Amino acid sequence: MSISEIEITVASLNIKVTGNPDPVDCLQAKFSLQFVAALALLYGRANETDFTPQTIHDVSVRDLMKKVRLVADASLGETEAHVRILRRDGGVRERHVTSPKGEPANPMTFQEIEAKFMDLAEPVLGRKKAEGVIETVRGLEDLNDSSRLVYLCCKQTKTKSGNR
């Protein structure tokens, strides 16, 4: 990547909570603006499934993390962020966000909710059940019996006898 610096300006509390420049596990990575910014720039996203030991130790992620500089700005609200990306060729890209995606002021579309749900639920429920949950929720107004939705949301485990 031809990036020389990534400047992220946020409220000082955000830096205290998410300013971990060297996360060593998946949980710490979720509280690292440096890690999340590098993931987003390299992969175009920072989904739950992207927080793995492999990505935490990925050399390209780590190299980009080193280019992130956090700046505290007391005038910004807790949900605001200003990102400034400086390229080696002198170009600059900037974006100011007042409310992150998913907040009431910046709601997710149903398609974005579906994608996030699949990212979180598929590893637990399996693709077929996770898609079934989505289809059932789409018709929630017409659902007379919630037992199907409850069944779809439950992970099946094997008993001692091997039955589910």
N, C-alpha and C. Protein backbone atom coordinates (compact mmCIF):
# COMPACT_ATOMS: atom_id res chain seq x y z
N MET A 1 0.84 -1.18 0.00
CA MET A 1 0.00 0.00 0.00
C MET A 1 0.87 1.24 0.00
N SER A 2 0.43 2.24 -0.65
CA SER A 2 1.21 3.47 -0.76
C SER A 2 0.80 4.50 0.30
N ILE A 3 0.55 4.04 1.50
CA ILE A 3 0.13 4.92 2.59
C ILE A 3 1.34 5.26 3.45
N SER A 4 1.48 6.56 3.75
CA SER A 4 2.58 6.95 4.63
C SER A 4 2.12 7.14 6.07
N GLU A 5 0.85 7.58 6.25
CA GLU A 5 0.34 7.78 7.61
C GLU A 5 -1.18 7.71 7.62
N ILE A 6 -1.70 7.21 8.73
CA ILE A 6 -3.14 7.19 8.96
C ILE A 6 -3.36 7.91 10.29
N GLU A 7 -4.03 9.04 10.22
CA GLU A 7 -4.30 9.83 11.42
C GLU A 7 -5.77 9.64 11.79
N ILE A 8 -6.00 9.16 13.00
CA ILE A 8 -7.37 8.96 13.48
C ILE A 8 -7.57 9.87 14.68
N THR A 9 -8.51 10.80 14.52
CA THR A 9 -8.81 11.76 15.58
C THR A 9 -10.14 11.39 16.21
N VAL A 10 -10.12 11.19 17.53
CA VAL A 10 -11.31 10.80 18.28
C VAL A 10 -11.28 11.47 19.65
N ALA A 11 -12.36 11.30 20.40
CA ALA A 11 -12.39 11.80 21.78
C ALA A 11 -11.35 11.04 22.60
N SER A 12 -10.80 11.69 23.61
CA SER A 12 -9.72 11.09 24.40
C SER A 12 -10.13 9.79 25.06
N LEU A 13 -11.39 9.67 25.48
CA LEU A 13 -11.86 8.41 26.09
C LEU A 13 -11.70 7.25 25.12
N ASN A 14 -11.96 7.49 23.84
CA ASN A 14 -11.82 6.42 22.85
C ASN A 14 -10.39 5.92 22.75
N ILE A 15 -9.44 6.83 22.89
CA ILE A 15 -8.04 6.42 22.84
C ILE A 15 -7.69 5.61 24.08
N LYS A 16 -8.22 6.02 25.24
CA LYS A 16 -7.95 5.26 26.47
C LYS A 16 -8.49 3.84 26.37
N VAL A 17 -9.66 3.68 25.74
CA VAL A 17 -10.30 2.36 25.66
C VAL A 17 -9.77 1.54 24.49
N THR A 18 -9.49 2.18 23.36
CA THR A 18 -9.14 1.42 22.15
C THR A 18 -7.78 1.79 21.56
N GLY A 19 -6.89 2.33 22.35
CA GLY A 19 -5.59 2.75 21.84
C GLY A 19 -4.49 1.73 22.02
N ASN A 20 -4.81 0.45 21.95
CA ASN A 20 -3.81 -0.61 22.13
C ASN A 20 -3.00 -0.79 20.84
N PRO A 21 -1.75 -0.37 20.82
CA PRO A 21 -0.95 -0.45 19.59
C PRO A 21 -0.39 -1.84 19.31
N ASP A 22 -0.49 -2.75 20.29
CA ASP A 22 0.13 -4.08 20.12
C ASP A 22 -0.74 -5.18 20.72
N PRO A 23 -1.91 -5.44 20.12
CA PRO A 23 -2.77 -6.49 20.67
C PRO A 23 -2.13 -7.87 20.49
N VAL A 24 -2.28 -8.71 21.51
CA VAL A 24 -1.68 -10.04 21.45
C VAL A 24 -2.71 -11.16 21.30
N ASP A 25 -4.00 -10.83 21.44
CA ASP A 25 -5.03 -11.84 21.24
C ASP A 25 -6.25 -11.20 20.59
N CYS A 26 -7.25 -12.01 20.29
CA CYS A 26 -8.43 -11.53 19.56
C CYS A 26 -9.21 -10.47 20.34
N LEU A 27 -9.34 -10.65 21.64
CA LEU A 27 -10.07 -9.66 22.42
C LEU A 27 -9.34 -8.33 22.43
N GLN A 28 -8.04 -8.34 22.64
CA GLN A 28 -7.28 -7.09 22.62
C GLN A 28 -7.35 -6.42 21.25
N ALA A 29 -7.39 -7.21 20.19
CA ALA A 29 -7.45 -6.65 18.83
C ALA A 29 -8.75 -5.88 18.62
N LYS A 30 -9.82 -6.33 19.25
CA LYS A 30 -11.11 -5.64 19.13
C LYS A 30 -11.07 -4.28 19.82
N PHE A 31 -10.11 -4.07 20.70
CA PHE A 31 -9.94 -2.80 21.41
C PHE A 31 -8.67 -2.10 20.96
N SER A 32 -8.38 -2.22 19.67
CA SER A 32 -7.21 -1.58 19.10
C SER A 32 -7.63 -0.83 17.83
N LEU A 33 -7.71 0.50 17.93
CA LEU A 33 -8.02 1.29 16.74
C LEU A 33 -7.00 1.03 15.64
N GLN A 34 -5.75 0.85 16.03
CA GLN A 34 -4.70 0.60 15.06
C GLN A 34 -4.97 -0.68 14.27
N PHE A 35 -5.35 -1.75 14.99
CA PHE A 35 -5.62 -3.03 14.34
C PHE A 35 -6.86 -2.95 13.45
N VAL A 36 -7.94 -2.37 13.99
CA VAL A 36 -9.19 -2.28 13.23
C VAL A 36 -9.01 -1.41 11.98
N ALA A 37 -8.28 -0.32 12.10
CA ALA A 37 -8.03 0.53 10.94
C ALA A 37 -7.24 -0.22 9.87
N ALA A 38 -6.21 -0.94 10.29
CA ALA A 38 -5.40 -1.71 9.34
C ALA A 38 -6.25 -2.78 8.65
N LEU A 39 -7.08 -3.50 9.41
CA LEU A 39 -7.97 -4.50 8.82
C LEU A 39 -8.90 -3.87 7.79
N ALA A 40 -9.53 -2.76 8.18
CA ALA A 40 -10.49 -2.10 7.29
C ALA A 40 -9.82 -1.65 5.99
N LEU A 41 -8.62 -1.12 6.09
CA LEU A 41 -7.93 -0.66 4.88
C LEU A 41 -7.44 -1.82 4.01
N LEU A 42 -6.98 -2.87 4.64
CA LEU A 42 -6.46 -4.00 3.87
C LEU A 42 -7.57 -4.90 3.30
N TYR A 43 -8.63 -5.12 4.07
CA TYR A 43 -9.66 -6.08 3.68
C TYR A 43 -11.01 -5.44 3.35
N GLY A 44 -11.13 -4.13 3.57
CA GLY A 44 -12.39 -3.47 3.30
C GLY A 44 -13.46 -3.73 4.33
N ARG A 45 -13.06 -4.31 5.46
CA ARG A 45 -14.01 -4.64 6.53
C ARG A 45 -13.23 -5.00 7.79
N ALA A 46 -13.95 -5.10 8.89
CA ALA A 46 -13.38 -5.60 10.15
C ALA A 46 -14.49 -6.38 10.84
N ASN A 47 -14.82 -7.53 10.27
CA ASN A 47 -15.89 -8.37 10.80
C ASN A 47 -15.40 -9.28 11.90
N GLU A 48 -16.32 -9.85 12.64
CA GLU A 48 -15.99 -10.78 13.72
C GLU A 48 -15.03 -11.88 13.25
N THR A 49 -15.28 -12.43 12.08
CA THR A 49 -14.45 -13.53 11.59
C THR A 49 -13.04 -13.07 11.17
N ASP A 50 -12.81 -11.77 11.11
CA ASP A 50 -11.49 -11.25 10.77
C ASP A 50 -10.56 -11.18 11.98
N PHE A 51 -11.10 -11.33 13.16
CA PHE A 51 -10.29 -11.25 14.38
C PHE A 51 -9.80 -12.65 14.73
N THR A 52 -8.71 -13.04 14.10
CA THR A 52 -8.13 -14.37 14.29
C THR A 52 -6.67 -14.24 14.68
N PRO A 53 -6.10 -15.29 15.25
CA PRO A 53 -4.65 -15.25 15.54
C PRO A 53 -3.83 -14.98 14.28
N GLN A 54 -4.30 -15.48 13.13
CA GLN A 54 -3.56 -15.26 11.88
C GLN A 54 -3.54 -13.78 11.51
N THR A 55 -4.69 -13.10 11.59
CA THR A 55 -4.69 -11.68 11.21
C THR A 55 -3.97 -10.83 12.25
N ILE A 56 -4.03 -11.22 13.51
CA ILE A 56 -3.35 -10.46 14.55
C ILE A 56 -1.84 -10.45 14.32
N HIS A 57 -1.32 -11.54 13.78
CA HIS A 57 0.13 -11.64 13.57
C HIS A 57 0.53 -11.46 12.10
N ASP A 58 -0.43 -11.13 11.25
CA ASP A 58 -0.15 -10.93 9.83
C ASP A 58 0.80 -9.73 9.66
N VAL A 59 1.86 -9.95 8.93
CA VAL A 59 2.90 -8.92 8.76
C VAL A 59 2.34 -7.68 8.07
N SER A 60 1.49 -7.84 7.07
CA SER A 60 0.95 -6.67 6.37
C SER A 60 0.03 -5.86 7.28
N VAL A 61 -0.72 -6.53 8.15
CA VAL A 61 -1.57 -5.82 9.12
C VAL A 61 -0.68 -5.07 10.11
N ARG A 62 0.33 -5.76 10.64
CA ARG A 62 1.24 -5.14 11.62
C ARG A 62 1.99 -3.95 11.03
N ASP A 63 2.41 -4.08 9.80
CA ASP A 63 3.13 -2.96 9.16
C ASP A 63 2.23 -1.75 9.01
N LEU A 64 0.98 -1.97 8.62
CA LEU A 64 0.05 -0.85 8.47
C LEU A 64 -0.33 -0.25 9.82
N MET A 65 -0.42 -1.08 10.85
CA MET A 65 -0.73 -0.59 12.20
C MET A 65 0.31 0.44 12.66
N LYS A 66 1.54 0.23 12.28
CA LYS A 66 2.62 1.15 12.69
C LYS A 66 2.46 2.54 12.10
N LYS A 67 1.66 2.65 11.05
CA LYS A 67 1.44 3.93 10.39
C LYS A 67 0.26 4.70 10.98
N VAL A 68 -0.43 4.09 11.94
CA VAL A 68 -1.60 4.73 12.54
C VAL A 68 -1.16 5.63 13.69
N ARG A 69 -1.63 6.86 13.64
CA ARG A 69 -1.36 7.81 14.72
C ARG A 69 -2.70 8.27 15.27
N LEU A 70 -2.88 8.11 16.59
CA LEU A 70 -4.12 8.50 17.24
C LEU A 70 -3.98 9.90 17.82
N VAL A 71 -5.02 10.71 17.61
CA VAL A 71 -5.03 12.08 18.09
C VAL A 71 -6.29 12.31 18.90
N ALA A 72 -6.14 12.83 20.11
CA ALA A 72 -7.29 13.14 20.96
C ALA A 72 -7.78 14.55 20.65
N ASP A 73 -9.11 14.68 20.57
CA ASP A 73 -9.71 15.99 20.33
C ASP A 73 -10.93 16.11 21.24
N ALA A 74 -10.83 16.99 22.23
CA ALA A 74 -11.90 17.16 23.21
C ALA A 74 -13.19 17.70 22.60
N SER A 75 -13.12 18.28 21.42
CA SER A 75 -14.33 18.83 20.80
C SER A 75 -15.18 17.75 20.12
N LEU A 76 -14.63 16.56 19.95
CA LEU A 76 -15.38 15.49 19.29
C LEU A 76 -16.22 14.71 20.30
N GLY A 77 -17.41 14.31 19.85
CA GLY A 77 -18.26 13.46 20.66
C GLY A 77 -17.71 12.04 20.69
N GLU A 78 -18.22 11.22 21.61
CA GLU A 78 -17.71 9.86 21.78
C GLU A 78 -17.95 8.96 20.57
N THR A 79 -18.91 9.31 19.72
CA THR A 79 -19.16 8.48 18.53
C THR A 79 -18.54 9.07 17.27
N GLU A 80 -17.88 10.19 17.39
CA GLU A 80 -17.28 10.85 16.22
C GLU A 80 -15.86 10.38 15.97
N ALA A 81 -15.48 10.43 14.71
CA ALA A 81 -14.10 10.14 14.33
C ALA A 81 -13.77 10.90 13.05
N HIS A 82 -12.53 11.32 12.97
CA HIS A 82 -12.03 11.94 11.75
C HIS A 82 -10.81 11.15 11.33
N VAL A 83 -10.84 10.63 10.11
CA VAL A 83 -9.72 9.83 9.61
C VAL A 83 -9.09 10.55 8.43
N ARG A 84 -7.80 10.62 8.49
CA ARG A 84 -7.03 11.28 7.43
C ARG A 84 -5.93 10.32 6.99
N ILE A 85 -5.95 9.95 5.72
CA ILE A 85 -4.97 9.02 5.17
C ILE A 85 -4.06 9.78 4.23
N LEU A 86 -2.77 9.77 4.54
CA LEU A 86 -1.78 10.45 3.71
C LEU A 86 -1.06 9.39 2.86
N ARG A 87 -1.04 9.62 1.56
CA ARG A 87 -0.37 8.70 0.65
C ARG A 87 1.05 9.19 0.37
N ARG A 88 1.88 8.28 -0.02
CA ARG A 88 3.27 8.63 -0.33
C ARG A 88 3.39 9.62 -1.48
N ASP A 89 2.42 9.59 -2.41
CA ASP A 89 2.46 10.51 -3.55
C ASP A 89 1.95 11.91 -3.20
N GLY A 90 1.63 12.14 -1.92
CA GLY A 90 1.16 13.44 -1.47
C GLY A 90 -0.36 13.55 -1.40
N GLY A 91 -1.06 12.58 -1.93
CA GLY A 91 -2.52 12.60 -1.88
C GLY A 91 -3.03 12.40 -0.46
N VAL A 92 -4.21 12.95 -0.22
CA VAL A 92 -4.83 12.85 1.11
C VAL A 92 -6.29 12.44 0.93
N ARG A 93 -6.74 11.51 1.74
CA ARG A 93 -8.16 11.14 1.80
C ARG A 93 -8.62 11.39 3.22
N GLU A 94 -9.77 12.03 3.36
CA GLU A 94 -10.30 12.34 4.70
C GLU A 94 -11.76 11.97 4.77
N ARG A 95 -12.17 11.58 5.97
CA ARG A 95 -13.58 11.30 6.21
C ARG A 95 -13.90 11.58 7.67
N HIS A 96 -15.00 12.28 7.88
CA HIS A 96 -15.47 12.58 9.23
C HIS A 96 -16.78 11.82 9.44
N VAL A 97 -16.86 11.07 10.50
CA VAL A 97 -18.06 10.29 10.82
C VAL A 97 -18.60 10.79 12.16
N THR A 98 -19.86 11.19 12.18
CA THR A 98 -20.47 11.65 13.43
C THR A 98 -21.14 10.52 14.18
N SER A 99 -21.65 9.53 13.46
CA SER A 99 -22.29 8.37 14.08
C SER A 99 -21.87 7.12 13.32
N PRO A 100 -21.33 6.12 14.03
CA PRO A 100 -20.92 4.90 13.34
C PRO A 100 -22.11 4.11 12.81
N LYS A 101 -21.86 3.27 11.86
CA LYS A 101 -22.90 2.43 11.29
C LYS A 101 -23.53 1.58 12.39
N GLY A 102 -24.85 1.60 12.40
CA GLY A 102 -25.59 0.83 13.40
C GLY A 102 -26.19 1.69 14.50
N GLU A 103 -25.74 2.92 14.60
CA GLU A 103 -26.32 3.86 15.56
C GLU A 103 -27.64 4.37 14.99
N PRO A 104 -28.56 4.84 15.86
CA PRO A 104 -29.84 5.36 15.36
C PRO A 104 -29.68 6.46 14.30
N ALA A 105 -28.67 7.27 14.41
CA ALA A 105 -28.46 8.34 13.43
C ALA A 105 -27.86 7.83 12.11
N ASN A 106 -27.41 6.58 12.10
CA ASN A 106 -26.80 5.98 10.91
C ASN A 106 -27.16 4.50 10.88
N PRO A 107 -28.44 4.18 10.71
CA PRO A 107 -28.88 2.79 10.82
C PRO A 107 -28.36 1.89 9.71
N MET A 108 -28.26 0.60 10.04
CA MET A 108 -27.87 -0.41 9.06
C MET A 108 -29.09 -0.76 8.20
N THR A 109 -28.84 -1.11 6.95
CA THR A 109 -29.90 -1.61 6.09
C THR A 109 -30.19 -3.05 6.49
N PHE A 110 -31.32 -3.58 6.04
CA PHE A 110 -31.62 -4.98 6.36
C PHE A 110 -30.55 -5.90 5.77
N GLN A 111 -30.04 -5.56 4.58
CA GLN A 111 -28.99 -6.37 3.96
C GLN A 111 -27.71 -6.35 4.80
N GLU A 112 -27.37 -5.20 5.38
CA GLU A 112 -26.18 -5.12 6.24
C GLU A 112 -26.39 -5.92 7.52
N ILE A 113 -27.60 -5.87 8.05
CA ILE A 113 -27.91 -6.67 9.25
C ILE A 113 -27.81 -8.15 8.92
N GLU A 114 -28.34 -8.55 7.78
CA GLU A 114 -28.25 -9.94 7.34
C GLU A 114 -26.79 -10.40 7.26
N ALA A 115 -25.96 -9.59 6.61
CA ALA A 115 -24.55 -9.94 6.44
C ALA A 115 -23.86 -10.07 7.80
N LYS A 116 -24.12 -9.15 8.70
CA LYS A 116 -23.51 -9.21 10.03
C LYS A 116 -24.02 -10.44 10.79
N PHE A 117 -25.33 -10.69 10.70
CA PHE A 117 -25.89 -11.86 11.38
C PHE A 117 -25.24 -13.14 10.85
N MET A 118 -25.12 -13.26 9.53
CA MET A 118 -24.51 -14.47 8.96
C MET A 118 -23.07 -14.62 9.42
N ASP A 119 -22.34 -13.52 9.48
CA ASP A 119 -20.95 -13.55 9.93
C ASP A 119 -20.85 -14.09 11.36
N LEU A 120 -21.81 -13.70 12.19
CA LEU A 120 -21.78 -14.12 13.60
C LEU A 120 -22.44 -15.48 13.82
N ALA A 121 -23.55 -15.75 13.13
CA ALA A 121 -24.34 -16.94 13.42
C ALA A 121 -23.91 -18.19 12.66
N GLU A 122 -23.45 -18.04 11.45
CA GLU A 122 -23.12 -19.21 10.64
C GLU A 122 -22.09 -20.13 11.30
N PRO A 123 -21.02 -19.61 11.90
CA PRO A 123 -20.07 -20.51 12.56
C PRO A 123 -20.68 -21.30 13.72
N VAL A 124 -21.75 -20.78 14.31
CA VAL A 124 -22.38 -21.44 15.47
C VAL A 124 -23.53 -22.34 15.03
N LEU A 125 -24.42 -21.81 14.19
CA LEU A 125 -25.64 -22.52 13.82
C LEU A 125 -25.51 -23.32 12.52
N GLY A 126 -24.57 -22.96 11.69
CA GLY A 126 -24.49 -23.53 10.35
C GLY A 126 -25.25 -22.64 9.38
N ARG A 127 -24.88 -22.74 8.11
CA ARG A 127 -25.46 -21.87 7.09
C ARG A 127 -26.97 -22.06 6.96
N LYS A 128 -27.42 -23.30 6.90
CA LYS A 128 -28.84 -23.57 6.67
C LYS A 128 -29.72 -22.99 7.78
N LYS A 129 -29.34 -23.20 9.04
CA LYS A 129 -30.14 -22.67 10.15
C LYS A 129 -30.06 -21.14 10.21
N ALA A 130 -28.88 -20.59 9.98
CA ALA A 130 -28.74 -19.13 10.01
C ALA A 130 -29.61 -18.49 8.92
N GLU A 131 -29.60 -19.06 7.72
CA GLU A 131 -30.47 -18.54 6.66
C GLU A 131 -31.94 -18.72 7.02
N GLY A 132 -32.26 -19.81 7.73
CA GLY A 132 -33.63 -20.04 8.18
C GLY A 132 -34.08 -18.97 9.17
N VAL A 133 -33.18 -18.55 10.04
CA VAL A 133 -33.50 -17.48 10.98
C VAL A 133 -33.84 -16.20 10.21
N ILE A 134 -33.04 -15.87 9.22
CA ILE A 134 -33.28 -14.67 8.43
C ILE A 134 -34.64 -14.74 7.74
N GLU A 135 -34.92 -15.87 7.11
CA GLU A 135 -36.21 -16.02 6.42
C GLU A 135 -37.38 -15.93 7.41
N THR A 136 -37.22 -16.52 8.58
CA THR A 136 -38.29 -16.47 9.59
C THR A 136 -38.49 -15.05 10.09
N VAL A 137 -37.41 -14.34 10.31
CA VAL A 137 -37.50 -12.95 10.78
C VAL A 137 -38.17 -12.07 9.71
N ARG A 138 -37.87 -12.35 8.45
CA ARG A 138 -38.53 -11.58 7.37
C ARG A 138 -40.05 -11.70 7.45
N GLY A 139 -40.54 -12.84 7.87
CA GLY A 139 -41.98 -13.06 7.96
C GLY A 139 -42.50 -13.02 9.38
N LEU A 140 -41.79 -12.33 10.26
CA LEU A 140 -42.13 -12.30 11.68
C LEU A 140 -43.55 -11.83 11.97
N GLU A 141 -44.02 -10.87 11.20
CA GLU A 141 -45.37 -10.36 11.43
C GLU A 141 -46.43 -11.44 11.25
N ASP A 142 -46.15 -12.42 10.39
CA ASP A 142 -47.12 -13.48 10.11
C ASP A 142 -46.84 -14.75 10.89
N LEU A 143 -45.86 -14.75 11.76
CA LEU A 143 -45.47 -15.94 12.52
C LEU A 143 -46.45 -16.16 13.67
N ASN A 144 -47.15 -17.30 13.64
CA ASN A 144 -48.12 -17.63 14.69
C ASN A 144 -47.49 -18.38 15.85
N ASP A 145 -46.39 -19.08 15.57
CA ASP A 145 -45.76 -19.92 16.59
C ASP A 145 -44.25 -19.65 16.57
N SER A 146 -43.72 -19.19 17.69
CA SER A 146 -42.30 -18.81 17.74
C SER A 146 -41.37 -20.01 17.92
N SER A 147 -41.91 -21.21 18.08
CA SER A 147 -41.06 -22.38 18.34
C SER A 147 -40.08 -22.64 17.18
N ARG A 148 -40.48 -22.39 15.94
CA ARG A 148 -39.55 -22.58 14.81
C ARG A 148 -38.36 -21.64 14.92
N LEU A 149 -38.61 -20.38 15.25
CA LEU A 149 -37.53 -19.42 15.40
C LEU A 149 -36.61 -19.82 16.55
N VAL A 150 -37.20 -20.24 17.66
CA VAL A 150 -36.40 -20.68 18.80
C VAL A 150 -35.54 -21.88 18.41
N TYR A 151 -36.12 -22.85 17.71
CA TYR A 151 -35.36 -24.03 17.25
C TYR A 151 -34.19 -23.61 16.36
N LEU A 152 -34.46 -22.71 15.42
CA LEU A 152 -33.41 -22.28 14.50
C LEU A 152 -32.27 -21.56 15.21
N CYS A 153 -32.58 -20.88 16.30
CA CYS A 153 -31.57 -20.11 17.04
C CYS A 153 -30.75 -20.96 18.01
N CYS A 154 -31.14 -22.21 18.19
CA CYS A 154 -30.44 -23.08 19.14
C CYS A 154 -29.40 -23.94 18.44
N LYS A 155 -28.22 -23.94 18.99
CA LYS A 155 -27.16 -24.79 18.48
C LYS A 155 -27.47 -26.22 18.90
N GLN A 156 -27.38 -27.13 17.96
CA GLN A 156 -27.61 -28.54 18.27
C GLN A 156 -26.32 -29.16 18.80
N THR A 157 -26.44 -29.88 19.87
CA THR A 157 -25.29 -30.57 20.44
C THR A 157 -25.58 -32.05 20.50
N LYS A 158 -24.56 -32.84 20.43
CA LYS A 158 -24.72 -34.29 20.51
C LYS A 158 -24.81 -34.69 21.97
N THR A 159 -25.70 -35.64 22.22
CA THR A 159 -25.82 -36.20 23.58
C THR A 159 -24.86 -37.36 23.70
N LYS A 160 -24.78 -37.96 24.87
CA LYS A 160 -23.88 -39.09 25.09
C LYS A 160 -24.22 -40.25 24.16
N SER A 161 -25.49 -40.40 23.83
CA SER A 161 -25.89 -41.49 22.96
C SER A 161 -25.62 -41.17 21.49
N GLY A 162 -25.17 -39.92 21.21
CA GLY A 162 -24.86 -39.55 19.84
C GLY A 162 -26.02 -38.92 19.12
N ASN A 163 -27.20 -38.88 19.75
CA ASN A 163 -28.36 -38.24 19.14
C ASN A 163 -28.33 -36.76 19.36
N ARG A 164 -29.03 -36.05 18.51
CA ARG A 164 -29.12 -34.60 18.65
C ARG A 164 -30.40 -34.21 19.30
